[in-house]
PDB file of N, CA and C in Angstrom:
ATOM      1  N   MET A   1     143.985 101.537  66.008  1.00  0.00           N
ATOM      2  CA  MET A   1     143.106 100.901  65.048  1.00  0.00           C
ATOM      3  C   MET A   1     142.098 100.055  65.851  1.00  0.00           C
ATOM      4  N   PRO A   2     140.787 100.172  65.525  1.00  0.00           N
ATOM      5  CA  PRO A   2     139.774  99.385  66.247  1.00  0.00           C
ATOM      6  C   PRO A   2     139.851  97.911  65.864  1.00  0.00           C
ATOM      7  N   GLY A   3     139.348  97.074  66.771  1.00  0.00           N
ATOM      8  CA  GLY A   3     139.321  95.636  66.511  1.00  0.00           C
ATOM      9  C   GLY A   3     138.285  95.290  65.446  1.00  0.00           C
ATOM     10  N   ILE A   4     138.355  94.072  64.953  1.00  0.00           N
ATOM     11  CA  ILE A   4     137.441  93.612  63.911  1.00  0.00           C
ATOM     12  C   ILE A   4     136.043  93.415  64.484  1.00  0.00           C
ATOM     13  N   THR A   5     135.041  93.680  63.655  1.00  0.00           N
ATOM     14  CA  THR A   5     133.654  93.404  64.012  1.00  0.00           C
ATOM     15  C   THR A   5     133.298  92.049  63.430  1.00  0.00           C
ATOM     16  N   TRP A   6     132.957  91.116  64.307  1.00  0.00           N
ATOM     17  CA  TRP A   6     132.629  89.769  63.850  1.00  0.00           C
ATOM     18  C   TRP A   6     131.165  89.738  63.436  1.00  0.00           C
ATOM     19  N   ASP A   7     130.947  89.804  62.130  1.00  0.00           N
ATOM     20  CA  ASP A   7     129.597  89.780  61.588  1.00  0.00           C
ATOM     21  C   ASP A   7     129.563  88.842  60.389  1.00  0.00           C
ATOM     22  N   ALA A   8     128.450  88.813  59.698  1.00  0.00           N
ATOM     23  CA  ALA A   8     128.293  87.907  58.552  1.00  0.00           C
ATOM     24  C   ALA A   8     129.323  88.193  57.464  1.00  0.00           C
ATOM     25  N   GLU A   9     129.659  89.456  57.258  1.00  0.00           N
ATOM     26  CA  GLU A   9     130.648  89.812  56.234  1.00  0.00           C
ATOM     27  C   GLU A   9     132.030  89.292  56.606  1.00  0.00           C
ATOM     28  N   ALA A  10     132.394  89.386  57.881  1.00  0.00           N
ATOM     29  CA  ALA A  10     133.689  88.860  58.338  1.00  0.00           C
ATOM     30  C   ALA A  10     133.720  87.340  58.190  1.00  0.00           C
ATOM     31  N   ASP A  11     132.616  86.691  58.547  1.00  0.00           N
ATOM     32  CA  ASP A  11     132.533  85.235  58.382  1.00  0.00           C
ATOM     33  C   ASP A  11     132.697  84.841  56.918  1.00  0.00           C
ATOM     34  N   ARG A  12     132.044  85.596  56.038  1.00  0.00           N
ATOM     35  CA  ARG A  12     132.128  85.315  54.599  1.00  0.00           C
ATOM     36  C   ARG A  12     133.567  85.441  54.115  1.00  0.00           C
ATOM     37  N   LYS A  13     134.258  86.482  54.558  1.00  0.00           N
ATOM     38  CA  LYS A  13     135.651  86.692  54.140  1.00  0.00           C
ATOM     39  C   LYS A  13     136.558  85.574  54.632  1.00  0.00           C
ATOM     40  N   ILE A  14     136.321  85.118  55.866  1.00  0.00           N
ATOM     41  CA  ILE A  14     137.115  84.006  56.403  1.00  0.00           C
ATOM     42  C   ILE A  14     136.910  82.754  55.558  1.00  0.00           C
ATOM     43  N   LEU A  15     135.657  82.427  55.306  1.00  0.00           N
ATOM     44  CA  LEU A  15     135.361  81.212  54.533  1.00  0.00           C
ATOM     45  C   LEU A  15     135.908  81.295  53.115  1.00  0.00           C
ATOM     46  N   LEU A  16     135.788  82.451  52.485  1.00  0.00           N
ATOM     47  CA  LEU A  16     136.329  82.598  51.133  1.00  0.00           C
ATOM     48  C   LEU A  16     137.844  82.470  51.133  1.00  0.00           C
ATOM     49  N   ALA A  17     138.501  83.021  52.137  1.00  0.00           N
ATOM     50  CA  ALA A  17     139.961  82.903  52.226  1.00  0.00           C
ATOM     51  C   ALA A  17     140.377  81.451  52.414  1.00  0.00           C
ATOM     52  N   VAL A  18     139.645  80.715  53.250  1.00  0.00           N
ATOM     53  CA  VAL A  18     139.957  79.294  53.460  1.00  0.00           C
ATOM     54  C   VAL A  18     139.714  78.503  52.181  1.00  0.00           C
ATOM     55  N   LEU A  19     138.629  78.813  51.498  1.00  0.00           N
ATOM     56  CA  LEU A  19     138.288  78.063  50.286  1.00  0.00           C
ATOM     57  C   LEU A  19     139.234  78.344  49.121  1.00  0.00           C
ATOM     58  N   LYS A  20     139.956  79.451  49.178  1.00  0.00           N
ATOM     59  CA  LYS A  20     140.937  79.729  48.127  1.00  0.00           C
ATOM     60  C   LYS A  20     142.075  78.707  48.149  1.00  0.00           C
ATOM     61  N   ASP A  21     142.276  78.084  49.314  1.00  0.00           N
ATOM     62  CA  ASP A  21     143.335  77.077  49.471  1.00  0.00           C
ATOM     63  C   ASP A  21     142.771  75.711  49.077  1.00  0.00           C
ATOM     64  N   PRO A  22     143.206  75.140  47.942  1.00  0.00           N
ATOM     65  CA  PRO A  22     142.663  73.857  47.491  1.00  0.00           C
ATOM     66  C   PRO A  22     142.886  72.714  48.482  1.00  0.00           C
ATOM     67  N   SER A  23     143.931  72.793  49.285  1.00  0.00           N
ATOM     68  CA  SER A  23     144.189  71.707  50.233  1.00  0.00           C
ATOM     69  C   SER A  23     143.230  71.747  51.423  1.00  0.00           C
ATOM     70  N   ALA A  24     142.517  72.863  51.605  1.00  0.00           N
ATOM     71  CA  ALA A  24     141.593  72.974  52.737  1.00  0.00           C
ATOM     72  C   ALA A  24     140.448  71.982  52.623  1.00  0.00           C
ATOM     73  N   SER A  25     140.003  71.691  51.401  1.00  0.00           N
ATOM     74  CA  SER A  25     138.878  70.771  51.226  1.00  0.00           C
ATOM     75  C   SER A  25     139.267  69.325  51.519  1.00  0.00           C
ATOM     76  N   ALA A  26     140.575  69.030  51.543  1.00  0.00           N
ATOM     77  CA  ALA A  26     141.017  67.661  51.832  1.00  0.00           C
ATOM     78  C   ALA A  26     140.730  67.275  53.279  1.00  0.00           C
ATOM     79  N   ASN A  27     140.611  68.254  54.169  1.00  0.00           N
ATOM     80  CA  ASN A  27     140.387  67.985  55.585  1.00  0.00           C
ATOM     81  C   ASN A  27     138.921  68.075  55.997  1.00  0.00           C
ATOM     82  N   VAL A  28     138.022  68.241  55.049  1.00  0.00           N
ATOM     83  CA  VAL A  28     136.600  68.402  55.354  1.00  0.00           C
ATOM     84  C   VAL A  28     135.925  67.034  55.435  1.00  0.00           C
ATOM     85  N   ASP A  29     135.128  66.821  56.459  1.00  0.00           N
ATOM     86  CA  ASP A  29     134.299  65.614  56.563  1.00  0.00           C
ATOM     87  C   ASP A  29     132.999  65.931  55.826  1.00  0.00           C
ATOM     88  N   TRP A  30     132.984  65.623  54.534  1.00  0.00           N
ATOM     89  CA  TRP A  30     131.868  66.002  53.665  1.00  0.00           C
ATOM     90  C   TRP A  30     130.551  65.369  54.112  1.00  0.00           C
ATOM     91  N   ASP A  31     130.587  64.127  54.540  1.00  0.00           N
ATOM     92  CA  ASP A  31     129.358  63.456  54.995  1.00  0.00           C
ATOM     93  C   ASP A  31     128.772  64.160  56.220  1.00  0.00           C
ATOM     94  N   ALA A  32     129.612  64.502  57.157  1.00  0.00           N
ATOM     95  CA  ALA A  32     129.142  65.174  58.368  1.00  0.00           C
ATOM     96  C   ALA A  32     128.615  66.574  58.050  1.00  0.00           C
ATOM     97  N   LEU A  33     129.294  67.278  57.154  1.00  0.00           N
ATOM     98  CA  LEU A  33     128.851  68.616  56.782  1.00  0.00           C
ATOM     99  C   LEU A  33     127.514  68.569  56.050  1.00  0.00           C
ATOM    100  N   ALA A  34     127.365  67.611  55.142  1.00  0.00           N
ATOM    101  CA  ALA A  34     126.091  67.467  54.431  1.00  0.00           C
ATOM    102  C   ALA A  34     124.971  67.132  55.415  1.00  0.00           C
ATOM    103  N   ALA A  35     125.251  66.274  56.373  1.00  0.00           N
ATOM    104  CA  ALA A  35     124.247  65.926  57.384  1.00  0.00           C
ATOM    105  C   ALA A  35     123.885  67.148  58.222  1.00  0.00           C
ATOM    106  N   GLU A  36     124.860  67.971  58.526  1.00  0.00           N
ATOM    107  CA  GLU A  36     124.620  69.194  59.316  1.00  0.00           C
ATOM    108  C   GLU A  36     123.728  70.183  58.567  1.00  0.00           C
ATOM    109  N   LEU A  37     123.881  70.253  57.249  1.00  0.00           N
ATOM    110  CA  LEU A  37     123.102  71.191  56.443  1.00  0.00           C
ATOM    111  C   LEU A  37     121.727  70.657  56.071  1.00  0.00           C
ATOM    112  N   THR A  38     121.516  69.365  56.217  1.00  0.00           N
ATOM    113  CA  THR A  38     120.232  68.765  55.879  1.00  0.00           C
ATOM    114  C   THR A  38     119.201  69.100  56.951  1.00  0.00           C
ATOM    115  N   THR A  39     118.013  69.498  56.492  1.00  0.00           N
ATOM    116  CA  THR A  39     116.907  69.808  57.398  1.00  0.00           C
ATOM    117  C   THR A  39     115.686  69.001  56.982  1.00  0.00           C
ATOM    118  N   ASP A  40     114.595  69.170  57.726  1.00  0.00           N
ATOM    119  CA  ASP A  40     113.352  68.508  57.337  1.00  0.00           C
ATOM    120  C   ASP A  40     112.846  69.030  55.998  1.00  0.00           C
ATOM    121  N   ALA A  41     113.166  70.274  55.692  1.00  0.00           N
ATOM    122  CA  ALA A  41     112.672  70.898  54.472  1.00  0.00           C
ATOM    123  C   ALA A  41     113.565  70.666  53.254  1.00  0.00           C
ATOM    124  N   ALA A  42     114.855  70.393  53.472  1.00  0.00           N
ATOM    125  CA  ALA A  42     115.776  70.259  52.336  1.00  0.00           C
ATOM    126  C   ALA A  42     116.902  69.293  52.673  1.00  0.00           C
ATOM    127  N   THR A  43     117.280  68.510  51.680  1.00  0.00           N
ATOM    128  CA  THR A  43     118.370  67.561  51.829  1.00  0.00           C
ATOM    129  C   THR A  43     119.614  68.113  51.142  1.00  0.00           C
ATOM    130  N   CYS A  44     120.737  67.996  51.807  1.00  0.00           N
ATOM    131  CA  CYS A  44     122.013  68.399  51.222  1.00  0.00           C
ATOM    132  C   CYS A  44     122.827  67.137  50.984  1.00  0.00           C
ATOM    133  N   THR A  45     123.228  66.922  49.735  1.00  0.00           N
ATOM    134  CA  THR A  45     124.058  65.767  49.416  1.00  0.00           C
ATOM    135  C   THR A  45     125.521  66.186  49.362  1.00  0.00           C
ATOM    136  N   VAL A  46     126.399  65.215  49.481  1.00  0.00           N
ATOM    137  CA  VAL A  46     127.830  65.487  49.399  1.00  0.00           C
ATOM    138  C   VAL A  46     128.167  66.056  48.021  1.00  0.00           C
ATOM    139  N   ALA A  47     127.567  65.493  46.982  1.00  0.00           N
ATOM    140  CA  ALA A  47     127.835  65.978  45.619  1.00  0.00           C
ATOM    141  C   ALA A  47     127.418  67.433  45.463  1.00  0.00           C
ATOM    142  N   ALA A  48     126.239  67.785  45.969  1.00  0.00           N
ATOM    143  CA  ALA A  48     125.761  69.168  45.872  1.00  0.00           C
ATOM    144  C   ALA A  48     126.661  70.102  46.667  1.00  0.00           C
ATOM    145  N   LEU A  49     127.078  69.663  47.825  1.00  0.00           N
ATOM    146  CA  LEU A  49     127.943  70.455  48.683  1.00  0.00           C
ATOM    147  C   LEU A  49     129.299  70.711  48.016  1.00  0.00           C
ATOM    148  N   LYS A  50     129.871  69.670  47.418  1.00  0.00           N
ATOM    149  CA  LYS A  50     131.156  69.837  46.735  1.00  0.00           C
ATOM    150  C   LYS A  50     131.039  70.754  45.530  1.00  0.00           C
ATOM    151  N   LYS A  51     129.932  70.629  44.793  1.00  0.00           N
ATOM    152  CA  LYS A  51     129.734  71.475  43.615  1.00  0.00           C
ATOM    153  C   LYS A  51     129.592  72.935  44.028  1.00  0.00           C
ATOM    154  N   HIS A  52     128.795  73.174  45.074  1.00  0.00           N
ATOM    155  CA  HIS A  52     128.610  74.552  45.530  1.00  0.00           C
ATOM    156  C   HIS A  52     129.915  75.117  46.092  1.00  0.00           C
ATOM    157  N   THR A  53     130.656  74.312  46.814  1.00  0.00           N
ATOM    158  CA  THR A  53     131.953  74.742  47.353  1.00  0.00           C
ATOM    159  C   THR A  53     132.905  75.096  46.214  1.00  0.00           C
ATOM    160  N   SER A  54     132.862  74.315  45.153  1.00  0.00           N
ATOM    161  CA  SER A  54     133.693  74.600  43.991  1.00  0.00           C
ATOM    162  C   SER A  54     133.321  75.943  43.372  1.00  0.00           C
ATOM    163  N   ARG A  55     132.019  76.217  43.288  1.00  0.00           N
ATOM    164  CA  ARG A  55     131.578  77.512  42.755  1.00  0.00           C
ATOM    165  C   ARG A  55     132.053  78.657  43.643  1.00  0.00           C
ATOM    166  N   ILE A  56     131.976  78.453  44.956  1.00  0.00           N
ATOM    167  CA  ILE A  56     132.441  79.487  45.880  1.00  0.00           C
ATOM    168  C   ILE A  56     133.932  79.726  45.697  1.00  0.00           C
ATOM    169  N   ARG A  57     134.697  78.632  45.556  1.00  0.00           N
ATOM    170  CA  ARG A  57     136.147  78.744  45.377  1.00  0.00           C
ATOM    171  C   ARG A  57     136.482  79.509  44.098  1.00  0.00           C
ATOM    172  N   VAL A  58     135.789  79.206  43.002  1.00  0.00           N
ATOM    173  CA  VAL A  58     136.033  79.904  41.733  1.00  0.00           C
ATOM    174  C   VAL A  58     135.662  81.376  41.873  1.00  0.00           C
ATOM    175  N   ALA A  59     134.532  81.653  42.517  1.00  0.00           N
ATOM    176  CA  ALA A  59     134.109  83.039  42.707  1.00  0.00           C
ATOM    177  C   ALA A  59     135.103  83.794  43.584  1.00  0.00           C
ATOM    178  N   ALA A  60     135.649  83.126  44.591  1.00  0.00           N
ATOM    179  CA  ALA A  60     136.628  83.777  45.465  1.00  0.00           C
ATOM    180  C   ALA A  60     137.895  84.129  44.692  1.00  0.00           C
ATOM    181  N   LYS A  61     138.312  83.248  43.807  1.00  0.00           N
ATOM    182  CA  LYS A  61     139.500  83.526  42.995  1.00  0.00           C
ATOM    183  C   LYS A  61     139.253  84.691  42.053  1.00  0.00           C
ATOM    184  N   ASN A  62     137.999  84.822  41.590  1.00  0.00           N
ATOM    185  CA  ASN A  62     137.642  85.890  40.659  1.00  0.00           C
ATOM    186  C   ASN A  62     137.100  87.124  41.371  1.00  0.00           C
ATOM    187  N   ASP A  63     137.103  87.105  42.708  1.00  0.00           N
ATOM    188  CA  ASP A  63     136.569  88.204  43.519  1.00  0.00           C
ATOM    189  C   ASP A  63     135.120  88.522  43.184  1.00  0.00           C
ATOM    190  N   ASN A  64     134.332  87.477  42.943  1.00  0.00           N
ATOM    191  CA  ASN A  64     132.898  87.631  42.693  1.00  0.00           C
ATOM    192  C   ASN A  64     132.123  87.065  43.866  1.00  0.00           C
ATOM    193  N   ASP A  65     130.862  87.426  43.943  1.00  0.00           N
ATOM    194  CA  ASP A  65     129.984  86.840  44.950  1.00  0.00           C
ATOM    195  C   ASP A  65     129.387  85.569  44.371  1.00  0.00           C
ATOM    196  N   PRO A  66     129.572  84.425  45.032  1.00  0.00           N
ATOM    197  CA  PRO A  66     129.002  83.184  44.512  1.00  0.00           C
ATOM    198  C   PRO A  66     127.502  83.141  44.745  1.00  0.00           C
ATOM    199  N   LYS A  67     126.796  82.751  43.741  1.00  0.00           N
ATOM    200  CA  LYS A  67     125.361  82.597  43.862  1.00  0.00           C
ATOM    201  C   LYS A  67     124.960  81.322  43.149  1.00  0.00           C
ATOM    202  N   THR A  68     123.986  80.657  43.698  1.00  0.00           N
ATOM    203  CA  THR A  68     123.445  79.494  43.024  1.00  0.00           C
ATOM    204  C   THR A  68     122.651  79.991  41.827  1.00  0.00           C
ATOM    205  N   PRO A  69     122.869  79.413  40.637  1.00  0.00           N
ATOM    206  CA  PRO A  69     122.141  79.901  39.474  1.00  0.00           C
ATOM    207  C   PRO A  69     120.649  79.651  39.615  1.00  0.00           C
ATOM    208  N   ALA A  70     119.863  80.546  39.036  1.00  0.00           N
ATOM    209  CA  ALA A  70     118.414  80.392  39.061  1.00  0.00           C
ATOM    210  C   ALA A  70     118.023  79.189  38.217  1.00  0.00           C
ATOM    211  N   PRO A  71     116.963  78.488  38.593  1.00  0.00           N
ATOM    212  CA  PRO A  71     116.538  77.347  37.793  1.00  0.00           C
ATOM    213  C   PRO A  71     116.133  77.793  36.395  1.00  0.00           C
ATOM    214  N   LYS A  72     116.426  76.954  35.436  1.00  0.00           N
ATOM    215  CA  LYS A  72     116.074  77.263  34.054  1.00  0.00           C
ATOM    216  C   LYS A  72     114.577  77.133  33.885  1.00  0.00           C
ATOM    217  N   LYS A  73     114.024  78.086  33.163  1.00  0.00           N
ATOM    218  CA  LYS A  73     112.590  78.053  32.902  1.00  0.00           C
ATOM    219  C   LYS A  73     112.368  77.368  31.553  1.00  0.00           C
ATOM    220  N   GLY A  74     111.646  76.298  31.599  1.00  0.00           N
ATOM    221  CA  GLY A  74     111.347  75.575  30.369  1.00  0.00           C
ATOM    222  C   GLY A  74     110.021  76.039  29.787  1.00  0.00           C
ATOM    223  N   LYS A  75     109.768  75.651  28.587  1.00  0.00           N
ATOM    224  CA  LYS A  75     108.518  75.994  27.934  1.00  0.00           C
ATOM    225  C   LYS A  75     107.402  75.160  28.559  1.00  0.00           C
ATOM    226  N   ALA A  76     106.308  75.808  28.876  1.00  0.00           N
ATOM    227  CA  ALA A  76     105.176  75.110  29.477  1.00  0.00           C
ATOM    228  C   ALA A  76     104.616  74.096  28.481  1.00  0.00           C
ATOM    229  N   LYS A  77     104.250  72.928  28.994  1.00  0.00           N
ATOM    230  CA  LYS A  77     103.692  71.897  28.134  1.00  0.00           C
ATOM    231  C   LYS A  77     102.229  72.214  27.836  1.00  0.00           C
ATOM    232  N   SER A  78     101.848  71.978  26.628  1.00  0.00           N
ATOM    233  CA  SER A  78     100.477  72.245  26.208  1.00  0.00           C
ATOM    234  C   SER A  78      99.619  71.010  26.431  1.00  0.00           C
ATOM    235  N   ASN A  79      98.379  71.240  26.849  1.00  0.00           N
ATOM    236  CA  ASN A  79      97.459  70.128  27.002  1.00  0.00           C
ATOM    237  C   ASN A  79      96.558  69.991  25.783  1.00  0.00           C
ATOM    238  N   GLY A  80      96.885  70.734  24.733  1.00  0.00           N
ATOM    239  CA  GLY A  80      96.113  70.651  23.500  1.00  0.00           C
ATOM    240  C   GLY A  80      95.025  71.699  23.396  1.00  0.00           C
ATOM    241  N   TYR A  81      94.865  72.493  24.430  1.00  0.00           N
ATOM    242  CA  TYR A  81      93.834  73.528  24.424  1.00  0.00           C
ATOM    243  C   TYR A  81      94.479  74.884  24.625  1.00  0.00           C
ATOM    244  N   LYS A  82      93.785  75.912  24.163  1.00  0.00           N
ATOM    245  CA  LYS A  82      94.232  77.274  24.422  1.00  0.00           C
ATOM    246  C   LYS A  82      93.016  78.101  24.813  1.00  0.00           C
ATOM    247  N   LEU A  83      93.266  79.190  25.497  1.00  0.00           N
ATOM    248  CA  LEU A  83      92.183  80.062  25.909  1.00  0.00           C
ATOM    249  C   LEU A  83      91.942  81.101  24.836  1.00  0.00           C
ATOM    250  N   GLN A  84      90.669  81.279  24.511  1.00  0.00           N
ATOM    251  CA  GLN A  84      90.298  82.311  23.551  1.00  0.00           C
ATOM    252  C   GLN A  84      89.817  83.503  24.357  1.00  0.00           C
ATOM    253  N   LYS A  85      90.420  84.659  24.136  1.00  0.00           N
ATOM    254  CA  LYS A  85      90.040  85.863  24.865  1.00  0.00           C
ATOM    255  C   LYS A  85      88.584  86.193  24.572  1.00  0.00           C
ATOM    256  N   ALA A  86      87.893  86.629  25.618  1.00  0.00           N
ATOM    257  CA  ALA A  86      86.475  86.940  25.484  1.00  0.00           C
ATOM    258  C   ALA A  86      86.254  88.423  25.691  1.00  0.00           C
ATOM    259  N   ALA A  87      85.101  88.878  25.256  1.00  0.00           N
ATOM    260  CA  ALA A  87      84.720  90.271  25.449  1.00  0.00           C
ATOM    261  C   ALA A  87      84.479  90.503  26.939  1.00  0.00           C
ATOM    262  N   PRO A  88      84.580  91.732  27.397  1.00  0.00           N
ATOM    263  CA  PRO A  88      84.328  92.017  28.806  1.00  0.00           C
ATOM    264  C   PRO A  88      82.953  91.506  29.235  1.00  0.00           C
ATOM    265  N   GLY A  89      82.917  90.852  30.389  1.00  0.00           N
ATOM    266  CA  GLY A  89      81.661  90.322  30.906  1.00  0.00           C
ATOM    267  C   GLY A  89      81.378  88.895  30.443  1.00  0.00           C
ATOM    268  N   GLN A  90      82.174  88.364  29.522  1.00  0.00           N
ATOM    269  CA  GLN A  90      81.976  87.002  29.049  1.00  0.00           C
ATOM    270  C   GLN A  90      83.139  86.130  29.523  1.00  0.00           C
ATOM    271  N   GLU A  91      82.887  84.833  29.626  1.00  0.00           N
ATOM    272  CA  GLU A  91      83.935  83.910  30.044  1.00  0.00           C
ATOM    273  C   GLU A  91      84.869  83.601  28.884  1.00  0.00           C
ATOM    274  N   GLU A  92      86.119  83.306  29.232  1.00  0.00           N
ATOM    275  CA  GLU A  92      87.062  82.873  28.209  1.00  0.00           C
ATOM    276  C   GLU A  92      86.690  81.462  27.793  1.00  0.00           C
ATOM    277  N   LEU A  93      86.925  81.137  26.546  1.00  0.00           N
ATOM    278  CA  LEU A  93      86.588  79.821  26.029  1.00  0.00           C
ATOM    279  C   LEU A  93      87.838  78.984  25.887  1.00  0.00           C
ATOM    280  N   LYS A  94      87.733  77.740  26.271  1.00  0.00           N
ATOM    281  CA  LYS A  94      88.829  76.793  26.104  1.00  0.00           C
ATOM    282  C   LYS A  94      88.562  76.076  24.789  1.00  0.00           C
ATOM    283  N   ILE A  95      89.426  76.284  23.808  1.00  0.00           N
ATOM    284  CA  ILE A  95      89.212  75.673  22.504  1.00  0.00           C
ATOM    285  C   ILE A  95      90.378  74.768  22.159  1.00  0.00           C
ATOM    286  N   LYS A  96      90.087  73.797  21.319  1.00  0.00           N
ATOM    287  CA  LYS A  96      91.119  72.842  20.905  1.00  0.00           C
ATOM    288  C   LYS A  96      92.111  73.536  19.973  1.00  0.00           C
ATOM    289  N   ALA A  97      93.389  73.387  20.292  1.00  0.00           N
ATOM    290  CA  ALA A  97      94.425  73.977  19.472  1.00  0.00           C
ATOM    291  C   ALA A  97      94.605  73.171  18.201  1.00  0.00           C
ATOM    292  N   GLU A  98      95.075  73.841  17.157  1.00  0.00           N
ATOM    293  CA  GLU A  98      95.340  73.149  15.897  1.00  0.00           C
ATOM    294  C   GLU A  98      96.448  72.132  16.089  1.00  0.00           C
ATOM    295  N   ASN A  99      96.402  71.056  15.328  1.00  0.00           N
ATOM    296  CA  ASN A  99      97.399  69.984  15.373  1.00  0.00           C
ATOM    297  C   ASN A  99      97.486  69.359  16.766  1.00  0.00           C
ATOM    298  N   SER A 100      96.365  69.193  17.420  1.00  0.00           N
ATOM    299  CA  SER A 100      96.343  68.615  18.762  1.00  0.00           C
ATOM    300  C   SER A 100      95.500  67.377  18.765  1.00  0.00           C
ATOM    301  N   ASP A 101      95.907  66.391  19.594  1.00  0.00           N
ATOM    302  CA  ASP A 101      95.154  65.162  19.730  1.00  0.00           C
ATOM    303  C   ASP A 101      94.215  65.207  20.920  1.00  0.00           C
ATOM    304  N   ALA A 102      94.183  66.315  21.670  1.00  0.00           N
ATOM    305  CA  ALA A 102      93.328  66.412  22.847  1.00  0.00           C
ATOM    306  C   ALA A 102      91.872  66.419  22.433  1.00  0.00           C
ATOM    307  N   GLU A 103      91.038  65.805  23.262  1.00  0.00           N
ATOM    308  CA  GLU A 103      89.615  65.746  22.949  1.00  0.00           C
ATOM    309  C   GLU A 103      88.923  66.970  23.511  1.00  0.00           C
ATOM    310  N   ALA A 104      87.833  67.386  22.830  1.00  0.00           N
ATOM    311  CA  ALA A 104      87.089  68.568  23.247  1.00  0.00           C
ATOM    312  C   ALA A 104      86.190  68.294  24.415  1.00  0.00           C
TER     313      ALA A 104
END
């Protein structure tokens, strides 16, 4: 039998197996781990790290791939105006929407 190939998939399996053990998180230095994951572009907090780890643990128990949920898309706020479609070659018109307090 050939030896194991140490790649991203093997790393993922190791981490998921460790995370299945609830006592494994008791030995984690959460502050140090959050600091390690923090970059100039993004901050990692202990709370965010614990929440994501919890999601990974639940996904591992359910044999699913953990993914961070997509941000919820909210309804765009209206500024009181709407665009009126124009004929080809003409500019669209910005008109005041009904029941709006925006000034023209």
